[in-house]
């Protein structure tokens, strides 16, 4: 009986750890969590993958994301879109561009009508 209790506690601890890591936007074992649901929908539309787990490999292949007027606030997760060249985020509520830092393939970005406060992150 004690073995079952210990296994249950271990499983619960592992589940709590995964929720904590995924909730912070971290990727674990190649799985990517995008906390902003509207951004996640736009990424899924770009991939043609409406359901299922998003992986670093999935995001690495995205070249264009069209996501205007979706009330996107958080860009966490886009840092894994290493091949991204075009990003349209016009008319959203974006404050921080820090997840875009390091995306060296970006050539066209539309951030008009957002609330961006710091631009140096993508310079």
N, C-alpha and C. Protein backbone atom coordinates (compact mmCIF):
# COMPACT_ATOMS: atom_id res chain seq x y z
N UNK A 1 0.82 -1.19 0.00
CA UNK A 1 0.00 0.00 0.00
C UNK A 1 0.86 1.26 0.00
N UNK A 2 1.95 1.26 0.79
CA UNK A 2 2.81 2.42 0.86
C UNK A 2 3.48 2.72 -0.48
N UNK A 3 3.74 1.67 -1.28
CA UNK A 3 4.34 1.88 -2.60
C UNK A 3 3.40 2.67 -3.50
N UNK A 4 2.10 2.38 -3.40
CA UNK A 4 1.12 3.10 -4.21
C UNK A 4 1.01 4.56 -3.80
N UNK A 5 1.07 4.82 -2.51
CA UNK A 5 1.01 6.19 -2.00
C UNK A 5 2.24 6.96 -2.46
N UNK A 6 3.42 6.34 -2.35
CA UNK A 6 4.66 6.99 -2.78
C UNK A 6 4.63 7.26 -4.28
N UNK A 7 4.15 6.30 -5.06
CA UNK A 7 4.07 6.49 -6.51
C UNK A 7 3.09 7.61 -6.85
N UNK A 8 2.00 7.68 -6.12
CA UNK A 8 1.02 8.74 -6.34
C UNK A 8 1.59 10.11 -6.04
N UNK A 9 2.34 10.20 -4.94
CA UNK A 9 2.96 11.48 -4.57
C UNK A 9 4.02 11.89 -5.60
N UNK A 10 4.79 10.92 -6.08
CA UNK A 10 5.80 11.21 -7.10
C UNK A 10 5.15 11.69 -8.38
N UNK A 11 4.09 11.02 -8.79
CA UNK A 11 3.36 11.42 -10.00
C UNK A 11 2.78 12.81 -9.86
N UNK A 12 2.24 13.11 -8.68
CA UNK A 12 1.67 14.43 -8.43
C UNK A 12 2.75 15.50 -8.46
N UNK A 13 3.91 15.20 -7.89
CA UNK A 13 5.03 16.13 -7.90
C UNK A 13 5.50 16.40 -9.33
N UNK A 14 5.61 15.36 -10.13
CA UNK A 14 6.02 15.51 -11.54
C UNK A 14 5.00 16.34 -12.31
N UNK A 15 3.73 16.09 -12.08
CA UNK A 15 2.68 16.85 -12.76
C UNK A 15 2.74 18.32 -12.37
N UNK A 16 2.94 18.60 -11.08
CA UNK A 16 3.03 19.98 -10.61
C UNK A 16 4.24 20.68 -11.22
N UNK A 17 5.36 19.99 -11.31
CA UNK A 17 6.57 20.56 -11.91
C UNK A 17 6.34 20.89 -13.38
N UNK A 18 5.70 20.00 -14.12
CA UNK A 18 5.42 20.24 -15.53
C UNK A 18 4.50 21.44 -15.71
N UNK A 19 3.46 21.53 -14.89
CA UNK A 19 2.54 22.67 -14.99
C UNK A 19 3.27 23.96 -14.68
N UNK A 20 4.14 23.94 -13.68
CA UNK A 20 4.88 25.14 -13.31
C UNK A 20 5.81 25.56 -14.44
N UNK A 21 6.53 24.62 -15.03
CA UNK A 21 7.45 24.95 -16.12
C UNK A 21 6.70 25.41 -17.36
N UNK A 22 5.64 24.72 -17.73
CA UNK A 22 4.89 25.10 -18.92
C UNK A 22 4.18 26.43 -18.71
N UNK A 23 3.71 26.67 -17.51
CA UNK A 23 3.03 27.93 -17.22
C UNK A 23 3.95 29.12 -17.32
N UNK A 24 5.24 28.92 -17.19
CA UNK A 24 6.18 30.03 -17.29
C UNK A 24 6.66 30.25 -18.72
N UNK A 25 6.13 29.49 -19.67
CA UNK A 25 6.52 29.64 -21.06
C UNK A 25 7.78 28.87 -21.43
N UNK A 26 8.29 28.08 -20.51
CA UNK A 26 9.49 27.29 -20.78
C UNK A 26 9.17 26.13 -21.71
N UNK A 27 10.19 25.65 -22.38
CA UNK A 27 10.00 24.45 -23.19
C UNK A 27 10.76 23.31 -22.52
N UNK A 28 10.15 22.16 -22.49
CA UNK A 28 10.72 21.00 -21.83
C UNK A 28 10.59 19.83 -22.77
N UNK A 29 11.70 19.14 -23.03
CA UNK A 29 11.69 17.99 -23.93
C UNK A 29 11.18 18.36 -25.32
N UNK A 30 11.44 19.57 -25.77
CA UNK A 30 11.03 19.98 -27.11
C UNK A 30 9.62 20.49 -27.21
N UNK A 31 8.84 20.42 -26.14
CA UNK A 31 7.47 20.91 -26.15
C UNK A 31 7.49 22.41 -25.86
N UNK A 32 6.74 23.17 -26.65
CA UNK A 32 6.68 24.62 -26.47
C UNK A 32 5.28 25.01 -26.03
N UNK A 33 5.21 25.82 -24.98
CA UNK A 33 3.93 26.33 -24.50
C UNK A 33 3.85 27.81 -24.86
N UNK A 34 2.78 28.21 -25.52
CA UNK A 34 2.54 29.62 -25.86
C UNK A 34 1.37 30.08 -25.00
N UNK A 35 1.65 30.88 -23.96
CA UNK A 35 0.61 31.23 -23.00
C UNK A 35 -0.52 32.10 -23.55
N UNK A 36 -0.22 32.97 -24.52
CA UNK A 36 -1.26 33.82 -25.11
C UNK A 36 -2.07 32.98 -26.10
N UNK A 37 -3.33 32.74 -25.79
CA UNK A 37 -4.17 31.85 -26.60
C UNK A 37 -4.35 32.37 -28.03
N UNK A 38 -4.47 33.69 -28.20
CA UNK A 38 -4.64 34.25 -29.55
C UNK A 38 -3.37 34.04 -30.38
N UNK A 39 -2.21 34.25 -29.76
CA UNK A 39 -0.94 34.02 -30.46
C UNK A 39 -0.80 32.53 -30.79
N UNK A 40 -1.17 31.68 -29.85
CA UNK A 40 -1.11 30.24 -30.09
C UNK A 40 -1.97 29.85 -31.29
N UNK A 41 -3.15 30.45 -31.40
CA UNK A 41 -4.04 30.17 -32.55
C UNK A 41 -3.40 30.61 -33.85
N UNK A 42 -2.75 31.78 -33.85
CA UNK A 42 -2.09 32.29 -35.06
C UNK A 42 -0.93 31.39 -35.46
N UNK A 43 -0.17 30.93 -34.47
CA UNK A 43 0.95 30.02 -34.74
C UNK A 43 0.42 28.71 -35.31
N UNK A 44 -0.64 28.20 -34.72
CA UNK A 44 -1.24 26.95 -35.21
C UNK A 44 -1.76 27.12 -36.64
N UNK A 45 -2.34 28.29 -36.94
CA UNK A 45 -2.82 28.55 -38.30
C UNK A 45 -1.65 28.56 -39.28
N UNK A 46 -0.53 29.16 -38.88
CA UNK A 46 0.65 29.19 -39.74
C UNK A 46 1.19 27.79 -40.00
N UNK A 47 1.07 26.94 -39.02
CA UNK A 47 1.55 25.56 -39.14
C UNK A 47 0.55 24.63 -39.80
N UNK A 48 -0.71 25.05 -39.83
CA UNK A 48 -1.76 24.14 -40.29
C UNK A 48 -1.95 22.99 -39.30
N UNK A 49 -1.77 23.30 -38.01
CA UNK A 49 -1.85 22.29 -36.95
C UNK A 49 -2.81 22.78 -35.86
N UNK A 50 -4.12 22.58 -36.08
CA UNK A 50 -5.10 23.12 -35.13
C UNK A 50 -5.09 22.45 -33.75
N UNK A 51 -4.60 21.23 -33.67
CA UNK A 51 -4.60 20.50 -32.40
C UNK A 51 -3.25 19.84 -32.17
N UNK A 52 -3.03 19.41 -30.95
CA UNK A 52 -1.82 18.67 -30.62
C UNK A 52 -0.76 19.53 -29.97
N UNK A 53 0.29 18.87 -29.58
CA UNK A 53 1.42 19.52 -28.91
C UNK A 53 2.23 20.30 -29.93
N UNK A 54 2.66 21.49 -29.53
CA UNK A 54 3.58 22.28 -30.36
C UNK A 54 5.00 22.00 -29.89
N UNK A 55 5.88 21.76 -30.83
CA UNK A 55 7.27 21.45 -30.49
C UNK A 55 8.21 22.52 -31.04
N UNK A 56 9.42 22.53 -30.52
CA UNK A 56 10.44 23.44 -31.04
C UNK A 56 10.64 23.21 -32.53
N UNK A 57 10.61 21.96 -32.94
CA UNK A 57 10.78 21.61 -34.35
C UNK A 57 9.66 22.21 -35.20
N UNK A 58 8.42 22.15 -34.71
CA UNK A 58 7.29 22.78 -35.41
C UNK A 58 7.56 24.27 -35.61
N UNK A 59 7.88 24.95 -34.52
CA UNK A 59 8.05 26.40 -34.56
C UNK A 59 9.27 26.81 -35.37
N UNK A 60 10.30 25.99 -35.34
CA UNK A 60 11.53 26.30 -36.08
C UNK A 60 11.26 26.45 -37.57
N UNK A 61 10.24 25.79 -38.10
CA UNK A 61 9.96 25.83 -39.53
C UNK A 61 9.05 26.96 -39.99
N UNK A 62 8.47 27.72 -39.07
CA UNK A 62 7.54 28.79 -39.45
C UNK A 62 8.31 29.95 -40.07
N UNK A 63 7.87 30.40 -41.24
CA UNK A 63 8.50 31.55 -41.90
C UNK A 63 7.64 32.80 -41.83
N UNK A 64 6.33 32.65 -41.69
CA UNK A 64 5.44 33.82 -41.67
C UNK A 64 4.30 33.60 -40.69
N UNK A 65 4.01 34.65 -39.92
CA UNK A 65 2.84 34.64 -39.04
C UNK A 65 2.04 35.91 -39.29
N UNK A 66 0.79 35.73 -39.65
CA UNK A 66 -0.15 36.83 -39.83
C UNK A 66 -1.11 36.81 -38.65
N UNK A 67 -1.01 37.81 -37.77
CA UNK A 67 -1.83 37.83 -36.56
C UNK A 67 -2.32 39.24 -36.22
N UNK A 68 -2.93 39.94 -37.18
CA UNK A 68 -3.41 41.29 -36.88
C UNK A 68 -4.72 41.26 -36.09
N UNK A 69 -4.88 42.26 -35.23
CA UNK A 69 -6.14 42.51 -34.53
C UNK A 69 -6.69 41.30 -33.77
N UNK A 70 -5.84 40.62 -33.03
CA UNK A 70 -6.28 39.44 -32.27
C UNK A 70 -6.20 39.66 -30.76
N UNK A 71 -5.86 40.88 -30.34
CA UNK A 71 -5.72 41.22 -28.92
C UNK A 71 -4.57 40.44 -28.26
N UNK A 72 -3.52 40.19 -29.01
CA UNK A 72 -2.33 39.49 -28.49
C UNK A 72 -1.58 40.43 -27.55
N UNK A 73 -1.21 39.91 -26.39
CA UNK A 73 -0.48 40.70 -25.41
C UNK A 73 0.93 40.17 -25.17
N UNK A 74 1.10 38.86 -25.25
CA UNK A 74 2.34 38.20 -24.85
C UNK A 74 2.94 37.43 -26.03
N UNK A 75 4.19 37.71 -26.36
CA UNK A 75 4.85 37.05 -27.49
C UNK A 75 5.69 35.84 -27.07
N UNK A 76 5.59 35.45 -25.81
CA UNK A 76 6.36 34.30 -25.32
C UNK A 76 6.08 33.07 -26.16
N UNK A 77 7.14 32.42 -26.58
CA UNK A 77 7.05 31.24 -27.43
C UNK A 77 7.58 31.51 -28.83
N UNK A 78 7.47 32.77 -29.28
CA UNK A 78 7.95 33.11 -30.62
C UNK A 78 9.47 33.01 -30.74
N UNK A 79 10.18 33.01 -29.62
CA UNK A 79 11.64 32.89 -29.67
C UNK A 79 12.08 31.59 -30.32
N UNK A 80 11.18 30.63 -30.42
CA UNK A 80 11.51 29.34 -31.04
C UNK A 80 11.27 29.34 -32.55
N UNK A 81 10.74 30.43 -33.09
CA UNK A 81 10.45 30.54 -34.53
C UNK A 81 11.69 31.05 -35.25
N UNK A 82 12.73 30.26 -35.27
CA UNK A 82 14.04 30.68 -35.77
C UNK A 82 14.06 31.02 -37.25
N UNK A 83 13.14 30.50 -38.04
CA UNK A 83 13.10 30.77 -39.48
C UNK A 83 12.14 31.90 -39.84
N UNK A 84 11.54 32.52 -38.84
CA UNK A 84 10.53 33.55 -39.07
C UNK A 84 11.11 34.74 -39.83
N UNK A 85 10.50 35.09 -40.96
CA UNK A 85 10.95 36.24 -41.75
C UNK A 85 9.90 37.35 -41.76
N UNK A 86 8.61 37.00 -41.66
CA UNK A 86 7.53 37.99 -41.71
C UNK A 86 6.63 37.80 -40.50
N UNK A 87 6.40 38.92 -39.78
CA UNK A 87 5.54 38.88 -38.60
C UNK A 87 4.61 40.08 -38.61
N UNK A 88 3.32 39.84 -38.73
CA UNK A 88 2.32 40.90 -38.72
C UNK A 88 1.54 40.83 -37.42
N UNK A 89 1.79 41.80 -36.54
CA UNK A 89 1.10 41.88 -35.26
C UNK A 89 0.34 43.20 -35.13
N UNK A 90 0.01 43.82 -36.23
CA UNK A 90 -0.69 45.11 -36.21
C UNK A 90 -1.99 45.01 -35.43
N UNK A 91 -2.25 46.06 -34.62
CA UNK A 91 -3.52 46.17 -33.92
C UNK A 91 -3.70 45.22 -32.75
N UNK A 92 -2.63 44.92 -32.05
CA UNK A 92 -2.72 44.06 -30.86
C UNK A 92 -2.39 44.87 -29.61
N UNK A 93 -2.07 44.21 -28.52
CA UNK A 93 -1.78 44.87 -27.24
C UNK A 93 -0.38 44.53 -26.74
N UNK A 94 0.54 44.30 -27.65
CA UNK A 94 1.90 43.86 -27.30
C UNK A 94 2.65 44.97 -26.57
N UNK A 95 3.25 44.62 -25.44
CA UNK A 95 4.06 45.55 -24.65
C UNK A 95 5.55 45.29 -24.82
N UNK A 96 5.94 44.03 -24.82
CA UNK A 96 7.36 43.66 -24.84
C UNK A 96 7.70 42.84 -26.08
N UNK A 97 8.84 43.18 -26.66
CA UNK A 97 9.33 42.46 -27.84
C UNK A 97 10.46 41.49 -27.50
N UNK A 98 10.76 41.32 -26.22
CA UNK A 98 11.92 40.52 -25.84
C UNK A 98 11.92 39.10 -26.41
N UNK A 99 10.78 38.42 -26.60
CA UNK A 99 10.85 37.09 -27.22
C UNK A 99 11.36 37.11 -28.67
N UNK A 100 11.35 38.29 -29.30
CA UNK A 100 11.83 38.39 -30.68
C UNK A 100 13.34 38.55 -30.76
N UNK A 101 13.97 38.82 -29.62
CA UNK A 101 15.41 38.99 -29.59
C UNK A 101 16.08 37.70 -30.06
N UNK A 102 16.97 37.82 -31.01
CA UNK A 102 17.67 36.65 -31.53
C UNK A 102 17.05 36.06 -32.78
N UNK A 103 15.90 36.57 -33.20
CA UNK A 103 15.29 36.08 -34.45
C UNK A 103 15.92 36.85 -35.61
N UNK A 104 17.08 36.40 -36.03
CA UNK A 104 17.89 37.12 -37.00
C UNK A 104 17.36 37.07 -38.43
N UNK A 105 16.39 36.22 -38.71
CA UNK A 105 15.85 36.12 -40.07
C UNK A 105 14.68 37.07 -40.32
N UNK A 106 14.21 37.76 -39.29
CA UNK A 106 13.08 38.67 -39.46
C UNK A 106 13.45 39.80 -40.42
N UNK A 107 12.66 39.96 -41.48
CA UNK A 107 12.90 41.04 -42.44
C UNK A 107 11.75 42.04 -42.43
N UNK A 108 10.56 41.57 -42.15
CA UNK A 108 9.40 42.46 -42.15
C UNK A 108 8.56 42.20 -40.90
N UNK A 109 8.41 43.27 -40.10
CA UNK A 109 7.63 43.19 -38.87
C UNK A 109 6.68 44.37 -38.84
N UNK A 110 5.40 44.11 -38.64
CA UNK A 110 4.40 45.17 -38.52
C UNK A 110 3.87 45.16 -37.09
N UNK A 111 4.24 46.20 -36.34
CA UNK A 111 3.82 46.34 -34.95
C UNK A 111 2.97 47.59 -34.75
N UNK A 112 2.41 48.13 -35.84
CA UNK A 112 1.58 49.32 -35.73
C UNK A 112 0.40 49.09 -34.81
N UNK A 113 0.00 50.14 -34.11
CA UNK A 113 -1.16 50.10 -33.21
C UNK A 113 -1.02 49.06 -32.11
N UNK A 114 0.13 49.04 -31.47
CA UNK A 114 0.37 48.20 -30.30
C UNK A 114 0.79 49.11 -29.14
N UNK A 115 1.17 48.53 -28.04
CA UNK A 115 1.58 49.29 -26.86
C UNK A 115 3.04 49.05 -26.52
N UNK A 116 3.86 48.81 -27.52
CA UNK A 116 5.27 48.48 -27.30
C UNK A 116 5.94 49.62 -26.54
N UNK A 117 6.65 49.25 -25.47
CA UNK A 117 7.32 50.24 -24.64
C UNK A 117 8.84 50.25 -24.84
N UNK A 118 9.43 49.10 -25.15
CA UNK A 118 10.87 49.00 -25.33
C UNK A 118 11.15 48.30 -26.65
N UNK A 119 11.93 48.96 -27.53
CA UNK A 119 12.20 48.40 -28.85
C UNK A 119 13.61 47.82 -28.95
N UNK A 120 14.50 48.14 -28.03
CA UNK A 120 15.89 47.69 -28.12
C UNK A 120 16.03 46.17 -28.21
N UNK A 121 15.06 45.43 -27.72
CA UNK A 121 15.17 43.97 -27.68
C UNK A 121 15.39 43.35 -29.05
N UNK A 122 14.89 43.98 -30.10
CA UNK A 122 15.04 43.41 -31.44
C UNK A 122 16.07 44.15 -32.27
N UNK A 123 16.77 45.08 -31.67
CA UNK A 123 17.76 45.86 -32.41
C UNK A 123 18.99 45.04 -32.70
